[in-house]
Amino acid sequence: MSRKSLLLFLLVCILGGVGTLVGSILGHFVGKSGLYSGAMVGGVVGVYAATRIARSRSILGVKRFWPATIGGWLGLVLAAIIAANHLNTPVIPIASVLLIGLGAVFGAASRHGKSIDR
């Protein structure tokens, strides 16, 4: 894994996780369905913000912005499914945040070539 891929992974994991946490806290005031929908909205905003920051800091290439963002969103959906089915232990929902970063890195690498900065 290259340095830029690692930075993208960490940035998307952190901002996606924080967005999910803040969204679920704000959505909790609406009710149980608001908890899950707030978490998803917060995660989507967090992933978008992370990939925007990565793009502005030249961690991510222009052509790889949308593939990385969509990959992060798909990782968020997978993480939400896993976390919602394993709420009895705090380890799995926290570890599922790693799927968000992996989705973004795999999405960025899905374009032709190996480097994510083109």
C-alpha atoms as a PDB file:
ATOM      1  CA  MET A   1       0.000   0.000   0.000  1.00  0.00           C
ATOM      2  CA  SER A   2       1.427   3.362  -1.007  1.00  0.00           C
ATOM      3  CA  ARG A   3       1.674   6.349   1.293  1.00  0.00           C
ATOM      4  CA  LYS A   4      -1.159   8.155  -0.477  1.00  0.00           C
ATOM      5  CA  SER A   5      -3.396   5.087  -0.272  1.00  0.00           C
ATOM      6  CA  LEU A   6      -2.705   4.850   3.451  1.00  0.00           C
ATOM      7  CA  LEU A   7      -3.481   8.543   3.941  1.00  0.00           C
ATOM      8  CA  LEU A   8      -6.720   8.180   1.981  1.00  0.00           C
ATOM      9  CA  PHE A   9      -7.654   5.106   4.024  1.00  0.00           C
ATOM     10  CA  LEU A  10      -7.040   6.872   7.344  1.00  0.00           C
ATOM     11  CA  LEU A  11      -8.782  10.080   6.289  1.00  0.00           C
ATOM     12  CA  VAL A  12     -11.897   8.305   5.043  1.00  0.00           C
ATOM     13  CA  CYS A  13     -12.034   5.989   8.075  1.00  0.00           C
ATOM     14  CA  ILE A  14     -11.744   8.876  10.520  1.00  0.00           C
ATOM     15  CA  LEU A  15     -14.115  11.333   8.848  1.00  0.00           C
ATOM     16  CA  GLY A  16     -16.559   8.624   7.789  1.00  0.00           C
ATOM     17  CA  GLY A  17     -16.605   7.227  11.320  1.00  0.00           C
ATOM     18  CA  VAL A  18     -17.010  10.630  12.945  1.00  0.00           C
ATOM     19  CA  GLY A  19     -19.765  11.538  10.471  1.00  0.00           C
ATOM     20  CA  THR A  20     -21.558   8.287  11.238  1.00  0.00           C
ATOM     21  CA  LEU A  21     -21.259   8.872  14.976  1.00  0.00           C
ATOM     22  CA  VAL A  22     -22.471  12.479  14.850  1.00  0.00           C
ATOM     23  CA  GLY A  23     -25.299  11.575  12.461  1.00  0.00           C
ATOM     24  CA  SER A  24     -26.493   8.760  14.700  1.00  0.00           C
ATOM     25  CA  ILE A  25     -26.405  11.021  17.764  1.00  0.00           C
ATOM     26  CA  LEU A  26     -28.416  13.711  15.999  1.00  0.00           C
ATOM     27  CA  GLY A  27     -30.778  11.149  14.489  1.00  0.00           C
ATOM     28  CA  HIS A  28     -31.397   9.574  17.899  1.00  0.00           C
ATOM     29  CA  PHE A  29     -33.481  12.586  18.858  1.00  0.00           C
ATOM     30  CA  VAL A  30     -35.966  11.649  16.120  1.00  0.00           C
ATOM     31  CA  GLY A  31     -36.274   8.013  17.197  1.00  0.00           C
ATOM     32  CA  LYS A  32     -34.854   4.582  16.429  1.00  0.00           C
ATOM     33  CA  SER A  33     -35.308   4.945  12.666  1.00  0.00           C
ATOM     34  CA  GLY A  34     -33.671   8.367  12.895  1.00  0.00           C
ATOM     35  CA  LEU A  35     -30.667   6.769  14.549  1.00  0.00           C
ATOM     36  CA  TYR A  36     -29.933   4.570  11.523  1.00  0.00           C
ATOM     37  CA  SER A  37     -30.833   7.118   8.858  1.00  0.00           C
ATOM     38  CA  GLY A  38     -28.857   9.820  10.667  1.00  0.00           C
ATOM     39  CA  ALA A  39     -25.854   7.521  10.818  1.00  0.00           C
ATOM     40  CA  MET A  40     -26.070   6.863   7.085  1.00  0.00           C
ATOM     41  CA  VAL A  41     -26.469  10.544   6.189  1.00  0.00           C
ATOM     42  CA  GLY A  42     -23.612  11.507   8.491  1.00  0.00           C
ATOM     43  CA  GLY A  43     -21.422   8.770   7.017  1.00  0.00           C
ATOM     44  CA  VAL A  44     -22.180   9.848   3.452  1.00  0.00           C
ATOM     45  CA  VAL A  45     -21.267  13.440   4.296  1.00  0.00           C
ATOM     46  CA  GLY A  46     -18.119  12.277   6.116  1.00  0.00           C
ATOM     47  CA  VAL A  47     -16.925  10.167   3.178  1.00  0.00           C
ATOM     48  CA  TYR A  48     -17.612  13.003   0.735  1.00  0.00           C
ATOM     49  CA  ALA A  49     -15.734  15.488   2.944  1.00  0.00           C
ATOM     50  CA  ALA A  50     -12.800  13.101   3.324  1.00  0.00           C
ATOM     51  CA  THR A  51     -12.431  12.515  -0.409  1.00  0.00           C
ATOM     52  CA  ARG A  52     -12.781  16.258  -1.064  1.00  0.00           C
ATOM     53  CA  ILE A  53      -9.995  16.958   1.417  1.00  0.00           C
ATOM     54  CA  ALA A  54      -7.888  14.191  -0.130  1.00  0.00           C
ATOM     55  CA  ARG A  55      -8.444  15.743  -3.554  1.00  0.00           C
ATOM     56  CA  SER A  56      -7.553  19.260  -2.377  1.00  0.00           C
ATOM     57  CA  ARG A  57      -4.373  17.979  -0.677  1.00  0.00           C
ATOM     58  CA  SER A  58      -3.332  16.088  -3.848  1.00  0.00           C
ATOM     59  CA  ILE A  59      -3.646  12.729  -2.115  1.00  0.00           C
ATOM     60  CA  LEU A  60      -6.254  11.724  -4.664  1.00  0.00           C
ATOM     61  CA  GLY A  61      -6.222  12.447  -8.391  1.00  0.00           C
ATOM     62  CA  VAL A  62      -9.020  14.341 -10.133  1.00  0.00           C
ATOM     63  CA  LYS A  63     -10.198  11.317 -12.110  1.00  0.00           C
ATOM     64  CA  ARG A  64     -10.235   9.162  -8.990  1.00  0.00           C
ATOM     65  CA  PHE A  65     -12.398  11.431  -6.827  1.00  0.00           C
ATOM     66  CA  TRP A  66     -15.789   9.969  -7.761  1.00  0.00           C
ATOM     67  CA  PRO A  67     -14.666   6.321  -7.835  1.00  0.00           C
ATOM     68  CA  ALA A  68     -13.128   6.774  -4.371  1.00  0.00           C
ATOM     69  CA  THR A  69     -16.245   8.525  -3.066  1.00  0.00           C
ATOM     70  CA  ILE A  70     -18.599   5.871  -4.433  1.00  0.00           C
ATOM     71  CA  GLY A  71     -16.320   3.106  -3.135  1.00  0.00           C
ATOM     72  CA  GLY A  72     -16.384   4.733   0.301  1.00  0.00           C
ATOM     73  CA  TRP A  73     -20.182   4.932   0.182  1.00  0.00           C
ATOM     74  CA  LEU A  74     -20.412   1.250  -0.747  1.00  0.00           C
ATOM     75  CA  GLY A  75     -18.052   0.426   2.106  1.00  0.00           C
ATOM     76  CA  LEU A  76     -20.308   2.490   4.382  1.00  0.00           C
ATOM     77  CA  VAL A  77     -23.353   0.469   3.341  1.00  0.00           C
ATOM     78  CA  LEU A  78     -21.517  -2.788   3.994  1.00  0.00           C
ATOM     79  CA  ALA A  79     -20.250  -1.490   7.348  1.00  0.00           C
ATOM     80  CA  ALA A  80     -23.783  -0.430   8.326  1.00  0.00           C
ATOM     81  CA  ILE A  81     -25.197  -3.861   7.517  1.00  0.00           C
ATOM     82  CA  ILE A  82     -22.501  -5.608   9.536  1.00  0.00           C
ATOM     83  CA  ALA A  83     -22.704  -3.178  12.447  1.00  0.00           C
ATOM     84  CA  ALA A  84     -26.507  -3.320  12.665  1.00  0.00           C
ATOM     85  CA  ASN A  85     -26.447  -7.120  12.822  1.00  0.00           C
ATOM     86  CA  HIS A  86     -23.744  -7.249  15.515  1.00  0.00           C
ATOM     87  CA  LEU A  87     -24.751  -4.597  18.033  1.00  0.00           C
ATOM     88  CA  ASN A  88     -24.274  -6.967  20.973  1.00  0.00           C
ATOM     89  CA  THR A  89     -20.526  -6.307  21.020  1.00  0.00           C
ATOM     90  CA  PRO A  90     -18.831  -2.923  20.512  1.00  0.00           C
ATOM     91  CA  VAL A  91     -15.806  -4.375  18.697  1.00  0.00           C
ATOM     92  CA  ILE A  92     -17.485  -5.331  15.413  1.00  0.00           C
ATOM     93  CA  PRO A  93     -19.308  -1.999  14.811  1.00  0.00           C
ATOM     94  CA  ILE A  94     -16.093  -0.103  15.490  1.00  0.00           C
ATOM     95  CA  ALA A  95     -14.029  -2.425  13.296  1.00  0.00           C
ATOM     96  CA  SER A  96     -16.576  -2.178  10.491  1.00  0.00           C
ATOM     97  CA  VAL A  97     -15.546   1.460  10.044  1.00  0.00           C
ATOM     98  CA  LEU A  98     -12.407   0.073   8.393  1.00  0.00           C
ATOM     99  CA  LEU A  99     -14.602  -1.102   5.512  1.00  0.00           C
ATOM    100  CA  ILE A 100     -15.378   2.518   4.662  1.00  0.00           C
ATOM    101  CA  GLY A 101     -11.698   3.299   4.122  1.00  0.00           C
ATOM    102  CA  LEU A 102     -11.104   0.067   2.234  1.00  0.00           C
ATOM    103  CA  GLY A 103     -14.014   0.872  -0.076  1.00  0.00           C
ATOM    104  CA  ALA A 104     -12.544   4.286  -0.851  1.00  0.00           C
ATOM    105  CA  VAL A 105      -9.069   2.889  -1.547  1.00  0.00           C
ATOM    106  CA  PHE A 106     -10.430   0.090  -3.736  1.00  0.00           C
ATOM    107  CA  GLY A 107     -12.689   2.574  -5.535  1.00  0.00           C
ATOM    108  CA  ALA A 108      -9.768   4.902  -6.208  1.00  0.00           C
ATOM    109  CA  ALA A 109      -7.668   2.009  -7.477  1.00  0.00           C
ATOM    110  CA  SER A 110     -10.448   0.721  -9.731  1.00  0.00           C
ATOM    111  CA  ARG A 111      -9.545   3.118 -12.515  1.00  0.00           C
ATOM    112  CA  HIS A 112      -6.870   2.134 -15.003  1.00  0.00           C
ATOM    113  CA  GLY A 113      -3.508   2.116 -13.323  1.00  0.00           C
ATOM    114  CA  LYS A 114      -2.124   1.462  -9.897  1.00  0.00           C
ATOM    115  CA  SER A 115      -1.465   4.911  -8.477  1.00  0.00           C
ATOM    116  CA  ILE A 116      -4.358   6.808  -6.897  1.00  0.00           C
ATOM    117  CA  ASP A 117      -2.907  10.251  -7.587  1.00  0.00           C
ATOM    118  CA  ARG A 118      -3.549  10.399 -11.349  1.00  0.00           C
END
